Amino acid sequence: MHAAATESRSAALRTLLRSLGQIVLQPNAFTGACLLGAWLLDDPRLACAALMGAVAANVSAVLAGYREDDTRAGLHGFNGALAGLAACHFIADNATAAAVAILAATATAWLLEPWSRMLRARGLGFFSSPCLILTWLWLPLAASGTQPASVAATHALSAAQWGSGLLAGFAQTGFASNALPGLLVLVGIAASSPWHALWALIGAGFASVAHLLLGATASSFDAGLLGFNGALTALALADSGVLTMLGGVALSVVLQAAAAHFGWPAMTAPFVLATWSVQWLEQRPAHGAGATQPAHRNDTARAAATKVPVDA
């Protein structure tokens, strides 16, 4: 009896950590633990928000009767974690942020099934889109929008600044900042898949350089705001080839720059829209030939789970 209870608690913990790991498209408990450590280093409030959101979403998925295998892989919890992080990031009051985090995370779980089914029919994955939809709904009511990024001349960056800025971009995948939390996130990705870590570094570096050439400030780079969408896009398109991946990253740069110009709180929307565009373009020849859509493109998070074995 005691052994069964211990095993059940261990399985629940691994599910929770995989939900966090799926934020960077890695269904790996160690990756999730690294993200949790990154939030604790940067701001323990972020860690609490992510855990609240992941728990709320996973409980809702169980109550809704979603597939147990998908829940264990973290597919039903990571948008809840992101919703919690968004609430913590945009709302200063702790009580209000906690309430919004739980409600939004629960809503992402209930939205997930019909929304992902509609996207699968078009050969697209859901990525962080449920979190984006819910956050955009409450954000005008509960928090002030993000300010447009200022444009200023960018001075030459030192090697240390380049390294710190790239790592900070990995921290920004979970609304954190600074190089050390970003290093923890990168270590977590590398532990799950060294190749994915390499592609993410390439994506973050390419996106950062492109943003700087477009006139983004060095302070934005230092905060990690220029690289995180590029890193996520590279992770999502890691199996599509280097040129396709770089094309997706370039599109995410354009979309993020446009959102910053108009002062829109884009968050990870550039990554989602850029990857959807590439997935749609990749499937157009298949539709023209009357071929069926490849199963591994139908569900983004499930595709990530098949690329990297779920840890024991």
Protein backbone atom coordinates (compact mmCIF):
# COMPACT_ATOMS: atom_id res chain seq x y z
CA MET A 1 0.00 0.00 0.00
CA HIS A 2 2.78 2.39 0.98
CA ALA A 3 4.79 1.53 -2.14
CA ALA A 4 1.76 2.12 -4.36
CA ALA A 5 1.12 5.52 -2.76
CA THR A 6 4.77 6.47 -3.18
CA GLU A 7 4.74 5.44 -6.83
CA SER A 8 1.54 7.41 -7.41
CA ARG A 9 3.06 10.55 -5.90
CA SER A 10 6.21 10.05 -7.96
CA ALA A 11 4.18 9.70 -11.17
CA ALA A 12 2.21 12.84 -10.34
CA LEU A 13 5.43 14.77 -9.75
CA ARG A 14 6.90 13.60 -13.05
CA THR A 15 3.71 14.63 -14.85
CA LEU A 16 3.88 18.06 -13.27
CA LEU A 17 7.54 18.52 -14.23
CA ARG A 18 6.94 17.33 -17.79
CA SER A 19 4.19 19.95 -18.05
CA LEU A 20 6.83 22.56 -17.27
CA GLY A 21 9.31 20.98 -19.70
CA GLN A 22 6.77 21.16 -22.51
CA ILE A 23 7.02 24.97 -22.33
CA VAL A 24 10.23 24.50 -24.32
CA LEU A 25 8.75 21.52 -26.23
CA GLN A 26 10.59 18.89 -24.19
CA PRO A 27 8.44 16.19 -22.49
CA ASN A 28 11.14 15.59 -19.91
CA ALA A 29 10.87 15.87 -16.14
CA PHE A 30 14.48 17.01 -15.72
CA THR A 31 13.88 19.80 -18.23
CA GLY A 32 10.87 20.85 -16.17
CA ALA A 33 12.96 20.79 -12.99
CA CYS A 34 15.50 23.07 -14.68
CA LEU A 35 12.78 25.54 -15.62
CA LEU A 36 11.47 25.44 -12.06
CA GLY A 37 14.99 26.17 -10.80
CA ALA A 38 15.27 29.06 -13.26
CA TRP A 39 12.09 30.64 -11.92
CA LEU A 40 13.21 30.19 -8.33
CA LEU A 41 16.50 31.93 -9.17
CA ASP A 42 14.81 34.81 -10.96
CA ASP A 43 11.60 35.28 -8.96
CA PRO A 44 9.98 32.61 -6.72
CA ARG A 45 6.62 34.22 -7.56
CA LEU A 46 7.03 32.90 -11.11
CA ALA A 47 7.65 29.38 -9.82
CA CYS A 48 4.48 29.49 -7.72
CA ALA A 49 2.44 30.79 -10.66
CA ALA A 50 3.72 28.08 -13.02
CA LEU A 51 3.02 25.31 -10.51
CA MET A 52 -0.48 26.62 -9.77
CA GLY A 53 -1.29 26.85 -13.45
CA ALA A 54 0.09 23.40 -14.31
CA VAL A 55 -1.76 21.74 -11.44
CA ALA A 56 -5.05 23.47 -12.28
CA ALA A 57 -4.79 22.50 -15.95
CA ASN A 58 -3.82 18.89 -15.26
CA VAL A 59 -6.65 18.42 -12.75
CA SER A 60 -9.09 19.90 -15.27
CA ALA A 61 -7.78 17.54 -17.96
CA VAL A 62 -8.36 14.55 -15.70
CA LEU A 63 -11.89 15.72 -14.87
CA ALA A 64 -12.58 16.25 -18.58
CA GLY A 65 -11.49 12.70 -19.34
CA TYR A 66 -8.61 13.58 -21.64
CA ARG A 67 -6.15 10.89 -22.69
CA GLU A 68 -4.04 9.79 -19.73
CA ASP A 69 -0.92 9.28 -21.87
CA ASP A 70 -1.09 12.85 -23.11
CA THR A 71 -1.57 14.16 -19.59
CA ARG A 72 1.47 12.19 -18.37
CA ALA A 73 3.53 13.63 -21.23
CA GLY A 74 2.69 17.15 -20.03
CA LEU A 75 0.54 18.07 -23.02
CA HIS A 76 -2.42 19.22 -20.94
CA GLY A 77 -0.49 21.14 -18.31
CA PHE A 78 2.00 23.39 -20.06
CA ASN A 79 -0.50 25.94 -21.35
CA GLY A 80 -1.86 26.16 -17.83
CA ALA A 81 1.64 26.83 -16.53
CA LEU A 82 2.11 29.54 -19.17
CA ALA A 83 -1.25 31.07 -18.27
CA GLY A 84 -0.15 31.23 -14.64
CA LEU A 85 3.15 32.83 -15.62
CA ALA A 86 1.38 35.41 -17.78
CA ALA A 87 -0.92 36.36 -14.89
CA CYS A 88 2.07 36.74 -12.57
CA HIS A 89 3.96 38.78 -15.16
CA PHE A 90 1.20 41.26 -15.98
CA ILE A 91 -0.59 41.58 -12.60
CA ALA A 92 1.25 43.10 -9.66
CA ASP A 93 -1.21 42.16 -6.90
CA ASN A 94 -0.46 38.62 -5.70
CA ALA A 95 -4.03 37.67 -4.79
CA THR A 96 -5.44 38.89 -8.09
CA ALA A 97 -2.64 37.22 -10.03
CA ALA A 98 -3.24 33.90 -8.26
CA ALA A 99 -6.98 34.02 -8.94
CA VAL A 100 -6.49 34.87 -12.60
CA ALA A 101 -3.77 32.23 -12.92
CA ILE A 102 -6.01 29.43 -11.66
CA LEU A 103 -9.04 30.52 -13.69
CA ALA A 104 -7.06 31.04 -16.90
CA ALA A 105 -5.15 27.78 -16.48
CA THR A 106 -8.40 25.87 -15.98
CA ALA A 107 -9.87 27.53 -19.05
CA THR A 108 -6.86 26.55 -21.19
CA ALA A 109 -7.46 22.89 -20.32
CA TRP A 110 -11.14 23.03 -21.27
CA LEU A 111 -10.35 24.95 -24.46
CA LEU A 112 -7.57 22.58 -25.46
CA GLU A 113 -9.58 19.62 -26.77
CA PRO A 114 -11.90 21.39 -29.26
CA TRP A 115 -9.20 23.89 -30.25
CA SER A 116 -6.52 21.24 -30.87
CA ARG A 117 -9.01 19.10 -32.78
CA MET A 118 -9.72 22.00 -35.13
CA LEU A 119 -5.99 22.66 -35.60
CA ARG A 120 -5.20 18.97 -36.18
CA ALA A 121 -7.72 18.92 -39.03
CA ARG A 122 -5.53 21.55 -40.69
CA GLY A 123 -2.24 19.83 -39.85
CA LEU A 124 -1.26 22.40 -37.21
CA GLY A 125 -0.15 22.00 -33.62
CA PHE A 126 -1.57 24.01 -30.76
CA PHE A 127 1.72 25.11 -29.13
CA SER A 128 1.05 27.94 -26.65
CA SER A 129 -2.02 29.24 -28.50
CA PRO A 130 -4.57 28.36 -25.76
CA CYS A 131 -2.59 30.44 -23.27
CA LEU A 132 -2.33 33.32 -25.75
CA ILE A 133 -6.06 33.33 -26.44
CA LEU A 134 -7.02 33.34 -22.77
CA THR A 135 -4.41 35.92 -21.80
CA TRP A 136 -5.47 38.31 -24.55
CA LEU A 137 -9.07 38.00 -23.30
CA TRP A 138 -8.35 39.07 -19.72
CA LEU A 139 -5.34 41.32 -20.26
CA PRO A 140 -7.27 44.48 -21.29
CA LEU A 141 -9.44 44.13 -18.17
CA ALA A 142 -6.86 43.29 -15.51
CA ALA A 143 -3.57 44.84 -16.51
CA SER A 144 -2.02 47.58 -18.55
CA GLY A 145 -0.60 46.51 -21.88
CA THR A 146 3.09 46.28 -22.55
CA GLN A 147 4.80 49.39 -23.82
CA PRO A 148 6.13 49.60 -27.36
CA ALA A 149 9.80 48.80 -27.60
CA SER A 150 11.89 51.90 -28.06
CA VAL A 151 14.15 52.18 -31.05
CA ALA A 152 17.64 53.54 -30.56
CA ALA A 153 21.09 53.14 -31.94
CA THR A 154 22.75 49.94 -30.80
CA HIS A 155 26.38 50.11 -29.71
CA ALA A 156 28.78 47.24 -30.30
CA LEU A 157 28.19 44.36 -27.92
CA SER A 158 31.02 42.57 -26.17
CA ALA A 159 31.39 38.80 -26.22
CA ALA A 160 30.18 38.65 -22.62
CA GLN A 161 27.09 40.66 -23.50
CA TRP A 162 26.35 38.37 -26.43
CA GLY A 163 26.53 35.30 -24.22
CA SER A 164 24.47 36.88 -21.46
CA GLY A 165 21.81 38.17 -23.87
CA LEU A 166 21.43 34.83 -25.64
CA LEU A 167 21.03 32.99 -22.34
CA ALA A 168 18.55 35.58 -21.08
CA GLY A 169 16.47 34.76 -24.16
CA PHE A 170 16.08 31.20 -22.95
CA ALA A 171 14.88 32.50 -19.58
CA GLN A 172 12.26 34.61 -21.38
CA THR A 173 10.60 31.46 -22.76
CA GLY A 174 9.09 31.24 -19.28
CA PHE A 175 8.72 35.00 -18.54
CA ALA A 176 11.97 35.05 -16.55
CA SER A 177 15.12 37.04 -17.26
CA ASN A 178 18.89 37.07 -16.68
CA ALA A 179 21.63 34.78 -17.90
CA LEU A 180 21.84 32.24 -15.06
CA PRO A 181 18.15 31.22 -15.24
CA GLY A 182 18.55 31.06 -19.02
CA LEU A 183 21.56 28.77 -18.65
CA LEU A 184 19.46 26.43 -16.51
CA VAL A 185 16.78 26.33 -19.21
CA LEU A 186 19.38 25.57 -21.87
CA VAL A 187 20.86 22.80 -19.73
CA GLY A 188 17.38 21.32 -19.36
CA ILE A 189 16.85 21.32 -23.12
CA ALA A 190 20.29 19.79 -23.72
CA ALA A 191 19.59 17.03 -21.20
CA SER A 192 16.48 16.11 -23.18
CA SER A 193 18.05 16.56 -26.63
CA PRO A 194 21.51 18.06 -27.35
CA TRP A 195 20.46 18.67 -30.96
CA HIS A 196 17.42 20.64 -29.85
CA ALA A 197 19.65 22.75 -27.61
CA LEU A 198 21.93 23.48 -30.57
CA TRP A 199 19.01 24.46 -32.84
CA ALA A 200 17.55 26.63 -30.09
CA LEU A 201 20.87 28.45 -29.71
CA ILE A 202 21.05 28.99 -33.46
CA GLY A 203 17.45 30.24 -33.52
CA ALA A 204 18.00 32.62 -30.61
CA GLY A 205 21.23 33.96 -32.09
CA PHE A 206 19.77 34.44 -35.58
CA ALA A 207 16.68 36.18 -34.22
CA SER A 208 18.71 38.43 -31.93
CA VAL A 209 21.03 39.57 -34.73
CA ALA A 210 18.06 40.21 -37.02
CA HIS A 211 16.27 42.30 -34.39
CA LEU A 212 19.40 44.35 -33.70
CA LEU A 213 19.82 45.01 -37.42
CA LEU A 214 16.20 46.18 -37.50
CA GLY A 215 16.98 48.74 -34.80
CA ALA A 216 16.14 47.01 -31.52
CA THR A 217 17.96 48.33 -28.46
CA ALA A 218 20.85 46.65 -26.72
CA SER A 219 18.86 46.77 -23.48
CA SER A 220 16.15 44.62 -25.08
CA PHE A 221 18.81 42.13 -26.11
CA ASP A 222 20.31 42.11 -22.61
CA ALA A 223 16.85 41.34 -21.17
CA GLY A 224 16.44 38.37 -23.54
CA LEU A 225 13.49 39.89 -25.35
CA LEU A 226 14.97 39.44 -28.83
CA GLY A 227 15.82 35.74 -28.84
CA PHE A 228 13.09 33.72 -27.13
CA ASN A 229 10.64 33.52 -30.04
CA GLY A 230 13.50 32.52 -32.34
CA ALA A 231 14.60 29.78 -29.94
CA LEU A 232 11.07 28.36 -29.66
CA THR A 233 10.54 28.50 -33.43
CA ALA A 234 13.80 26.65 -33.99
CA LEU A 235 12.78 23.98 -31.49
CA ALA A 236 9.40 23.50 -33.16
CA LEU A 237 10.92 23.27 -36.65
CA ALA A 238 14.04 21.32 -35.69
CA ASP A 239 13.02 18.36 -37.89
CA SER A 240 12.13 20.48 -40.92
CA GLY A 241 15.65 21.21 -42.13
CA VAL A 242 18.03 24.10 -41.49
CA LEU A 243 16.76 26.41 -44.24
CA THR A 244 13.12 25.86 -43.30
CA MET A 245 13.93 26.42 -39.65
CA LEU A 246 15.81 29.65 -40.37
CA GLY A 247 12.95 30.82 -42.59
CA GLY A 248 10.52 30.25 -39.73
CA VAL A 249 12.79 32.14 -37.33
CA ALA A 250 13.03 35.04 -39.79
CA LEU A 251 9.24 35.21 -40.02
CA SER A 252 8.97 35.22 -36.22
CA VAL A 253 11.37 38.19 -36.16
CA VAL A 254 9.19 40.15 -38.58
CA LEU A 255 6.04 39.37 -36.60
CA GLN A 256 7.64 40.29 -33.27
CA ALA A 257 9.05 43.53 -34.66
CA ALA A 258 5.61 44.47 -36.00
CA ALA A 259 3.98 43.73 -32.64
CA ALA A 260 6.60 45.80 -30.81
CA HIS A 261 6.08 48.71 -33.20
CA PHE A 262 2.35 48.81 -32.46
CA GLY A 263 2.76 48.06 -28.75
CA TRP A 264 0.90 44.75 -28.86
CA PRO A 265 1.61 42.20 -26.10
CA ALA A 266 2.66 39.48 -28.55
CA MET A 267 4.39 37.17 -26.02
CA THR A 268 4.99 33.89 -27.93
CA ALA A 269 2.52 34.65 -30.73
CA PRO A 270 5.32 35.30 -33.28
CA PHE A 271 6.67 31.80 -32.64
CA VAL A 272 3.21 30.22 -32.95
CA LEU A 273 2.21 32.10 -36.11
CA ALA A 274 5.58 31.57 -37.80
CA THR A 275 5.51 27.84 -37.10
CA TRP A 276 1.90 27.52 -38.25
CA SER A 277 2.87 29.27 -41.49
CA VAL A 278 5.72 26.84 -42.12
CA GLN A 279 3.55 23.82 -41.26
CA TRP A 280 0.85 25.05 -43.64
CA LEU A 281 3.33 25.62 -46.46
CA GLU A 282 4.90 22.19 -45.92
CA GLN A 283 1.55 20.49 -46.27
CA ARG A 284 0.34 22.29 -49.38
CA PRO A 285 2.03 19.79 -51.79
CA ALA A 286 0.52 16.93 -49.83
CA HIS A 287 -2.96 18.39 -50.19
CA GLY A 288 -2.41 19.00 -53.89
CA ALA A 289 -1.42 15.36 -54.41
CA GLY A 290 -4.36 14.13 -52.39
CA ALA A 291 -2.08 12.66 -49.75
CA THR A 292 -3.09 12.39 -46.14
CA GLN A 293 -1.61 14.79 -43.60
CA PRO A 294 1.41 13.41 -41.74
CA ALA A 295 0.40 12.43 -38.25
CA HIS A 296 3.49 13.89 -36.61
CA ARG A 297 2.51 17.38 -37.80
CA ASN A 298 -1.07 17.23 -36.55
CA ASP A 299 -0.41 17.91 -32.89
CA THR A 300 2.57 20.05 -31.99
CA ALA A 301 3.06 18.97 -28.43
CA ARG A 302 2.52 15.33 -29.31
CA ALA A 303 5.09 15.72 -32.07
CA ALA A 304 7.56 16.98 -29.49
CA ALA A 305 6.77 13.98 -27.34
CA THR A 306 7.54 11.58 -30.17
CA LYS A 307 10.82 13.27 -31.04
CA VAL A 308 12.18 13.00 -27.50
CA PRO A 309 11.38 9.90 -25.43
CA VAL A 310 9.46 10.67 -22.26
CA ASP A 311 11.76 10.04 -19.32
CA ALA A 312 10.93 7.31 -16.85
